[in-house]
C-alpha atoms as a PDB file:
ATOM      1  CA  LEU A   1      25.409  -0.539  -8.951  1.00  0.00           C
ATOM      2  CA  ALA A   2      25.900  -3.880 -10.463  1.00  0.00           C
ATOM      3  CA  LEU A   3      25.682  -5.468  -7.068  1.00  0.00           C
ATOM      4  CA  ALA A   4      21.840  -5.162  -7.154  1.00  0.00           C
ATOM      5  CA  PRO A   5      21.219  -7.540 -10.247  1.00  0.00           C
ATOM      6  CA  ALA A   6      24.267  -9.622  -9.109  1.00  0.00           C
ATOM      7  CA  LEU A   7      22.847 -10.271  -5.704  1.00  0.00           C
ATOM      8  CA  THR A   8      19.523 -10.982  -7.286  1.00  0.00           C
ATOM      9  CA  PHE A   9      20.759 -13.784  -9.387  1.00  0.00           C
ATOM     10  CA  VAL A  10      23.161 -15.169  -6.840  1.00  0.00           C
ATOM     11  CA  SER A  11      20.210 -15.520  -4.287  1.00  0.00           C
ATOM     12  CA  TRP A  12      18.043 -17.114  -7.034  1.00  0.00           C
ATOM     13  CA  HIS A  13      20.863 -19.458  -7.844  1.00  0.00           C
ATOM     14  CA  TYR A  14      21.157 -20.793  -4.383  1.00  0.00           C
ATOM     15  CA  SER A  15      17.317 -20.956  -3.900  1.00  0.00           C
ATOM     16  CA  ARG A  16      17.154 -23.398  -6.782  1.00  0.00           C
ATOM     17  CA  ARG A  17      19.080 -25.930  -4.744  1.00  0.00           C
ATOM     18  CA  PHE A  18      16.063 -26.221  -2.396  1.00  0.00           C
ATOM     19  CA  LEU A  19      13.179 -25.327  -4.540  1.00  0.00           C
ATOM     20  CA  GLY A  20      13.960 -26.348  -8.067  1.00  0.00           C
ATOM     21  CA  ASP A  21      11.869 -24.675 -10.655  1.00  0.00           C
ATOM     22  CA  THR A  22       9.581 -23.196  -8.082  1.00  0.00           C
ATOM     23  CA  SER A  23      12.395 -20.858  -7.257  1.00  0.00           C
ATOM     24  CA  LEU A  24      11.611 -19.114 -10.509  1.00  0.00           C
ATOM     25  CA  TRP A  25       8.735 -17.259  -8.800  1.00  0.00           C
ATOM     26  CA  LEU A  26      11.246 -15.956  -6.075  1.00  0.00           C
ATOM     27  CA  LEU A  27      13.277 -14.132  -8.846  1.00  0.00           C
ATOM     28  CA  PRO A  28      10.843 -11.162  -8.862  1.00  0.00           C
ATOM     29  CA  LEU A  29      10.915 -10.936  -5.199  1.00  0.00           C
ATOM     30  CA  PHE A  30      14.724 -10.886  -5.104  1.00  0.00           C
ATOM     31  CA  TRP A  31      14.861  -8.263  -7.836  1.00  0.00           C
ATOM     32  CA  PHE A  32      12.388  -6.144  -5.837  1.00  0.00           C
ATOM     33  CA  SER A  33      14.343  -6.486  -2.647  1.00  0.00           C
ATOM     34  CA  PHE A  34      17.714  -5.698  -4.001  1.00  0.00           C
ATOM     35  CA  GLU A  35      16.537  -2.875  -6.325  1.00  0.00           C
ATOM     36  CA  TRP A  36      14.885  -1.138  -3.232  1.00  0.00           C
ATOM     37  CA  PHE A  37      18.051  -1.779  -1.288  1.00  0.00           C
ATOM     38  CA  ARG A  38      20.151  -0.034  -3.968  1.00  0.00           C
ATOM     39  CA  GLY A  39      17.790   2.991  -3.646  1.00  0.00           C
ATOM     40  CA  TRP A  40      18.416   3.261   0.019  1.00  0.00           C
ATOM     41  CA  PHE A  41      22.037   2.054   0.767  1.00  0.00           C
ATOM     42  CA  LEU A  42      24.806   4.590   1.111  1.00  0.00           C
ATOM     43  CA  THR A  43      22.232   7.456   0.513  1.00  0.00           C
ATOM     44  CA  GLY A  44      20.696   5.543  -2.371  1.00  0.00           C
ATOM     45  CA  MET A  45      20.778   5.368  -6.129  1.00  0.00           C
ATOM     46  CA  PRO A  46      17.116   5.111  -6.941  1.00  0.00           C
ATOM     47  CA  TRP A  47      17.407   5.705 -10.682  1.00  0.00           C
ATOM     48  CA  LEU A  48      17.350   3.266 -13.660  1.00  0.00           C
ATOM     49  CA  SER A  49      14.983   0.872 -11.994  1.00  0.00           C
ATOM     50  CA  LEU A  50      13.467  -1.681 -14.400  1.00  0.00           C
ATOM     51  CA  GLY A  51       9.984  -0.281 -13.906  1.00  0.00           C
ATOM     52  CA  TYR A  52      10.896   3.024 -15.718  1.00  0.00           C
ATOM     53  CA  SER A  53      11.081   0.940 -18.953  1.00  0.00           C
ATOM     54  CA  GLN A  54       7.235   0.898 -18.721  1.00  0.00           C
ATOM     55  CA  THR A  55       6.654   4.496 -18.642  1.00  0.00           C
ATOM     56  CA  ALA A  56       4.954   4.541 -22.139  1.00  0.00           C
ATOM     57  CA  ALA A  57       3.446   0.935 -21.651  1.00  0.00           C
ATOM     58  CA  PRO A  58       0.368  -0.469 -20.207  1.00  0.00           C
ATOM     59  CA  LEU A  59       2.056  -1.488 -16.852  1.00  0.00           C
ATOM     60  CA  SER A  60       2.487   2.210 -16.193  1.00  0.00           C
ATOM     61  CA  GLY A  61      -1.208   2.126 -15.045  1.00  0.00           C
ATOM     62  CA  PHE A  62       0.003   0.490 -11.856  1.00  0.00           C
ATOM     63  CA  ALA A  63       2.329   3.312 -10.854  1.00  0.00           C
ATOM     64  CA  PRO A  64      -0.177   5.181  -8.636  1.00  0.00           C
ATOM     65  CA  LEU A  65      -0.778   1.945  -6.645  1.00  0.00           C
ATOM     66  CA  ILE A  66       2.592   0.146  -6.486  1.00  0.00           C
ATOM     67  CA  ARG A  67       5.261   2.681  -7.633  1.00  0.00           C
ATOM     68  CA  VAL A  68       8.246   2.069  -9.754  1.00  0.00           C
ATOM     69  CA  TYR A  69       9.632  -0.864  -7.574  1.00  0.00           C
ATOM     70  CA  GLY A  70       6.253  -2.666  -7.788  1.00  0.00           C
ATOM     71  CA  ILE A  71       6.184  -2.366 -11.542  1.00  0.00           C
ATOM     72  CA  SER A  72       9.828  -3.797 -11.667  1.00  0.00           C
ATOM     73  CA  ASP A  73       8.533  -6.726  -9.776  1.00  0.00           C
ATOM     74  CA  GLY A  74       5.676  -6.975 -12.183  1.00  0.00           C
ATOM     75  CA  CYS A  75       8.115  -7.047 -15.107  1.00  0.00           C
ATOM     76  CA  LEU A  76      10.053  -9.957 -13.620  1.00  0.00           C
ATOM     77  CA  SER A  77       6.930 -11.752 -12.866  1.00  0.00           C
ATOM     78  CA  MET A  78       5.760 -11.483 -16.488  1.00  0.00           C
ATOM     79  CA  ALA A  79       9.152 -12.656 -17.738  1.00  0.00           C
ATOM     80  CA  VAL A  80       8.935 -15.754 -15.519  1.00  0.00           C
ATOM     81  CA  ALA A  81       5.362 -16.317 -16.801  1.00  0.00           C
ATOM     82  CA  LEU A  82       6.409 -15.979 -20.357  1.00  0.00           C
ATOM     83  CA  PHE A  83       9.287 -18.359 -19.900  1.00  0.00           C
ATOM     84  CA  LEU A  84       7.121 -21.028 -18.379  1.00  0.00           C
ATOM     85  CA  SER A  85       4.482 -20.629 -20.958  1.00  0.00           C
ATOM     86  CA  LEU A  86       6.854 -21.097 -23.765  1.00  0.00           C
ATOM     87  CA  ARG A  87       8.896 -23.960 -22.151  1.00  0.00           C
ATOM     88  CA  ASP A  88       5.890 -26.001 -20.696  1.00  0.00           C
ATOM     89  CA  ARG A  89       3.125 -24.666 -22.914  1.00  0.00           C
ATOM     90  CA  ARG A  90       1.038 -23.769 -19.790  1.00  0.00           C
ATOM     91  CA  ASP A  91      -2.089 -21.919 -20.893  1.00  0.00           C
ATOM     92  CA  SER A  92      -2.878 -20.859 -17.355  1.00  0.00           C
ATOM     93  CA  VAL A  93       0.496 -19.148 -17.108  1.00  0.00           C
ATOM     94  CA  LEU A  94      -0.062 -17.436 -20.309  1.00  0.00           C
ATOM     95  CA  ALA A  95      -3.418 -16.047 -18.931  1.00  0.00           C
ATOM     96  CA  VAL A  96      -1.653 -14.543 -16.083  1.00  0.00           C
ATOM     97  CA  LEU A  97       0.901 -12.967 -18.509  1.00  0.00           C
ATOM     98  CA  LEU A  98      -1.911 -11.278 -20.422  1.00  0.00           C
ATOM     99  CA  LEU A  99      -3.734 -10.267 -17.238  1.00  0.00           C
ATOM    100  CA  GLY A 100      -0.927  -7.772 -16.238  1.00  0.00           C
ATOM    101  CA  PRO A 101      -1.022  -5.448 -19.270  1.00  0.00           C
ATOM    102  CA  TRP A 102      -4.760  -5.648 -19.516  1.00  0.00           C
ATOM    103  CA  SER A 103      -5.247  -4.526 -16.001  1.00  0.00           C
ATOM    104  CA  GLY A 104      -2.644  -1.832 -16.375  1.00  0.00           C
ATOM    105  CA  TYR A 105      -4.505  -0.531 -19.414  1.00  0.00           C
ATOM    106  CA  LEU A 106      -7.699  -0.302 -17.288  1.00  0.00           C
ATOM    107  CA  LEU A 107      -6.020   1.528 -14.500  1.00  0.00           C
ATOM    108  CA  GLN A 108      -4.660   4.052 -17.115  1.00  0.00           C
ATOM    109  CA  GLN A 109      -8.309   5.017 -17.667  1.00  0.00           C
ATOM    110  CA  ILE A 110      -8.718   6.236 -14.095  1.00  0.00           C
ATOM    111  CA  ASP A 111      -8.154   9.939 -13.460  1.00  0.00           C
ATOM    112  CA  TRP A 112      -5.832   9.744 -10.404  1.00  0.00           C
ATOM    113  CA  THR A 113      -5.516  13.636 -10.179  1.00  0.00           C
ATOM    114  CA  GLU A 114      -7.936  16.386 -10.503  1.00  0.00           C
ATOM    115  CA  ALA A 115      -7.357  19.315 -12.802  1.00  0.00           C
ATOM    116  CA  GLN A 116      -7.726  22.775 -11.249  1.00  0.00           C
ATOM    117  CA  PRO A 117      -9.748  25.412 -13.162  1.00  0.00           C
ATOM    118  CA  GLN A 118      -7.024  28.072 -12.890  1.00  0.00           C
ATOM    119  CA  SER A 119      -3.698  27.534 -14.726  1.00  0.00           C
ATOM    120  CA  ILE A 120      -0.462  29.081 -13.486  1.00  0.00           C
ATOM    121  CA  ASN A 121       2.579  30.345 -15.352  1.00  0.00           C
ATOM    122  CA  VAL A 122       5.692  28.352 -14.291  1.00  0.00           C
ATOM    123  CA  SER A 123       9.297  29.080 -15.303  1.00  0.00           C
ATOM    124  CA  MET A 124      12.299  26.750 -14.653  1.00  0.00           C
ATOM    125  CA  LEU A 125      15.946  27.682 -14.466  1.00  0.00           C
ATOM    126  CA  GLN A 126      19.133  25.693 -14.778  1.00  0.00           C
ATOM    127  CA  GLY A 127      22.349  27.409 -13.793  1.00  0.00           C
ATOM    128  CA  LYS A 128      24.840  24.747 -15.027  1.00  0.00           C
ATOM    129  CA  ILE A 129      27.040  25.229 -12.081  1.00  0.00           C
ATOM    130  CA  PRO A 130      30.135  22.872 -12.233  1.00  0.00           C
ATOM    131  CA  GLN A 131      30.052  20.351  -9.417  1.00  0.00           C
ATOM    132  CA  ALA A 132      33.669  21.174  -8.602  1.00  0.00           C
ATOM    133  CA  VAL A 133      32.615  24.637  -7.294  1.00  0.00           C
ATOM    134  CA  ASN A 134      28.987  23.956  -6.180  1.00  0.00           C
ATOM    135  CA  TRP A 135      29.906  23.546  -2.425  1.00  0.00           C
ATOM    136  CA  ARG A 136      32.704  26.040  -2.152  1.00  0.00           C
ATOM    137  CA  ARG A 137      32.028  28.785   0.379  1.00  0.00           C
ATOM    138  CA  ASP A 138      34.044  31.305  -1.625  1.00  0.00           C
ATOM    139  CA  GLN A 139      31.920  30.689  -4.741  1.00  0.00           C
ATOM    140  CA  ARG A 140      28.462  31.305  -3.077  1.00  0.00           C
ATOM    141  CA  HIS A 141      27.794  34.680  -4.836  1.00  0.00           C
ATOM    142  CA  ALA A 142      29.172  33.351  -8.150  1.00  0.00           C
ATOM    143  CA  ILE A 143      26.655  30.467  -7.935  1.00  0.00           C
ATOM    144  CA  PHE A 144      23.772  32.686  -6.785  1.00  0.00           C
ATOM    145  CA  ASN A 145      24.264  35.550  -9.242  1.00  0.00           C
ATOM    146  CA  PRO A 146      23.358  33.700 -12.443  1.00  0.00           C
ATOM    147  CA  TYR A 147      20.096  32.466 -10.910  1.00  0.00           C
ATOM    148  CA  TRP A 148      19.181  35.948  -9.520  1.00  0.00           C
ATOM    149  CA  ARG A 149      20.012  37.533 -12.927  1.00  0.00           C
ATOM    150  CA  GLU A 150      17.728  35.074 -14.683  1.00  0.00           C
ATOM    151  CA  THR A 151      14.893  35.278 -12.112  1.00  0.00           C
ATOM    152  CA  ARG A 152      14.687  39.180 -12.445  1.00  0.00           C
ATOM    153  CA  GLN A 153      13.524  38.589 -15.892  1.00  0.00           C
ATOM    154  CA  LEU A 154      10.709  36.156 -14.947  1.00  0.00           C
ATOM    155  CA  TRP A 155       8.696  38.218 -12.468  1.00  0.00           C
ATOM    156  CA  ASP A 156       5.540  37.704 -14.536  1.00  0.00           C
ATOM    157  CA  SER A 157       5.592  34.032 -13.666  1.00  0.00           C
ATOM    158  CA  ASP A 158       3.431  32.722 -10.876  1.00  0.00           C
ATOM    159  CA  LEU A 159       6.005  30.139  -9.913  1.00  0.00           C
ATOM    160  CA  ILE A 160       9.800  30.221 -10.549  1.00  0.00           C
ATOM    161  CA  LEU A 161      11.569  26.897  -9.977  1.00  0.00           C
ATOM    162  CA  TRP A 162      15.304  26.717  -9.195  1.00  0.00           C
ATOM    163  CA  PRO A 163      17.136  23.272  -9.256  1.00  0.00           C
ATOM    164  CA  GLU A 164      18.018  20.879  -6.683  1.00  0.00           C
ATOM    165  CA  THR A 165      20.511  22.254  -4.233  1.00  0.00           C
ATOM    166  CA  ALA A 166      20.605  25.545  -6.154  1.00  0.00           C
ATOM    167  CA  LEU A 167      21.122  27.631  -3.102  1.00  0.00           C
ATOM    168  CA  PRO A 168      24.754  27.303  -2.058  1.00  0.00           C
ATOM    169  CA  GLY A 169      24.650  26.916   1.738  1.00  0.00           C
ATOM    170  CA  GLN A 170      22.432  26.000   4.578  1.00  0.00           C
ATOM    171  CA  PRO A 171      19.544  28.214   5.525  1.00  0.00           C
ATOM    172  CA  GLU A 172      21.289  29.651   8.633  1.00  0.00           C
ATOM    173  CA  ASP A 173      24.378  30.578   6.477  1.00  0.00           C
ATOM    174  CA  ILE A 174      22.545  32.439   3.719  1.00  0.00           C
ATOM    175  CA  GLU A 175      19.523  33.747   5.607  1.00  0.00           C
ATOM    176  CA  SER A 176      20.335  37.475   5.507  1.00  0.00           C
ATOM    177  CA  THR A 177      22.401  37.502   2.251  1.00  0.00           C
ATOM    178  CA  MET A 178      20.262  35.373  -0.038  1.00  0.00           C
ATOM    179  CA  LEU A 179      17.016  34.112   1.450  1.00  0.00           C
ATOM    180  CA  GLN A 180      15.591  37.367   2.854  1.00  0.00           C
ATOM    181  CA  PRO A 181      16.255  39.370  -0.275  1.00  0.00           C
ATOM    182  CA  LEU A 182      14.776  36.556  -2.424  1.00  0.00           C
ATOM    183  CA  GLN A 183      11.804  36.370  -0.089  1.00  0.00           C
ATOM    184  CA  GLN A 184      11.121  40.146  -0.284  1.00  0.00           C
ATOM    185  CA  ALA A 185      11.607  40.278  -4.101  1.00  0.00           C
ATOM    186  CA  ALA A 186       9.079  37.456  -4.582  1.00  0.00           C
ATOM    187  CA  ILE A 187       6.605  39.276  -2.367  1.00  0.00           C
ATOM    188  CA  ASP A 188       7.162  42.622  -4.155  1.00  0.00           C
ATOM    189  CA  HIS A 189       6.502  40.954  -7.575  1.00  0.00           C
ATOM    190  CA  ASP A 190       3.614  38.862  -6.395  1.00  0.00           C
ATOM    191  CA  THR A 191       5.246  35.493  -7.324  1.00  0.00           C
ATOM    192  CA  HIS A 192       6.821  32.535  -5.558  1.00  0.00           C
ATOM    193  CA  ILE A 193      10.353  30.860  -5.859  1.00  0.00           C
ATOM    194  CA  LEU A 194      10.817  27.260  -5.086  1.00  0.00           C
ATOM    195  CA  ALA A 195      14.460  26.326  -4.663  1.00  0.00           C
ATOM    196  CA  GLY A 196      16.525  23.448  -3.642  1.00  0.00           C
ATOM    197  CA  LEU A 197      18.918  23.563  -0.749  1.00  0.00           C
ATOM    198  CA  VAL A 198      20.547  21.310   1.948  1.00  0.00           C
ATOM    199  CA  VAL A 199      19.362  21.490   5.602  1.00  0.00           C
ATOM    200  CA  ASN A 200      20.895  20.105   8.803  1.00  0.00           C
ATOM    201  CA  GLU A 201      18.194  19.075  11.345  1.00  0.00           C
ATOM    202  CA  SER A 202      18.564  18.129  14.889  1.00  0.00           C
ATOM    203  CA  GLU A 203      21.488  15.729  14.710  1.00  0.00           C
ATOM    204  CA  PRO A 204      24.908  17.016  13.773  1.00  0.00           C
ATOM    205  CA  ASN A 205      26.336  15.828  10.588  1.00  0.00           C
ATOM    206  CA  ARG A 206      22.880  14.677   9.341  1.00  0.00           C
ATOM    207  CA  TYR A 207      22.210  16.543   6.099  1.00  0.00           C
ATOM    208  CA  TYR A 208      19.077  16.422   4.005  1.00  0.00           C
ATOM    209  CA  ASN A 209      18.124  17.352   0.617  1.00  0.00           C
ATOM    210  CA  SER A 210      15.260  19.900   0.880  1.00  0.00           C
ATOM    211  CA  MET A 211      13.314  22.674  -0.822  1.00  0.00           C
ATOM    212  CA  ILE A 212      12.242  26.091   0.290  1.00  0.00           C
ATOM    213  CA  LEU A 213       9.279  28.137  -0.966  1.00  0.00           C
ATOM    214  CA  LEU A 214       9.737  31.888  -1.001  1.00  0.00           C
ATOM    215  CA  GLY A 215       6.887  34.343  -1.402  1.00  0.00           C
ATOM    216  CA  GLN A 216       3.812  35.796   0.328  1.00  0.00           C
ATOM    217  CA  GLU A 217       2.381  32.455   1.375  1.00  0.00           C
END
């Protein structure tokens, strides 16, 4: 994980040889590139991006437009602008520095989503299944049963959410033993169950994190 910031600053260090102080403005670009690469390489580690530090700050207003990686880039750009304004007393750079939060604040005033008139009752489950047994075939029912036991107490909910990869097996492996009974139970109680599972599509040995919605619709 440390390779992302390490490669960022190594790249910037070598760019200084050719561009001098101008290379400072490449620092946000390098950070953006390697942070994105970290979120993709070896199935990805897309957490703890710098942009998440702005969740409760004005820059979060940019999230619907440029996502978390763009906000990370904005953080670095503002850091460069702050450094130059303090070192060289550049008022024009300081103006750019202030423009970011102000623009983010204005974007926060926009309603990017539309509220629906009818609310729904949602319940969430967490089975706390140890990772050591989560993928063992002989533990499938031991994994499934706690979720099923809790779900039976929540039939008054409109939507019941199970966690990521809660269903222990690919759809074809658990179709008759788990998916069909869950589907029928959801229909009988007029609710829906949204659960995480792993799927294998088209190519062998290519697995994908997925979700399945069980119910009438």
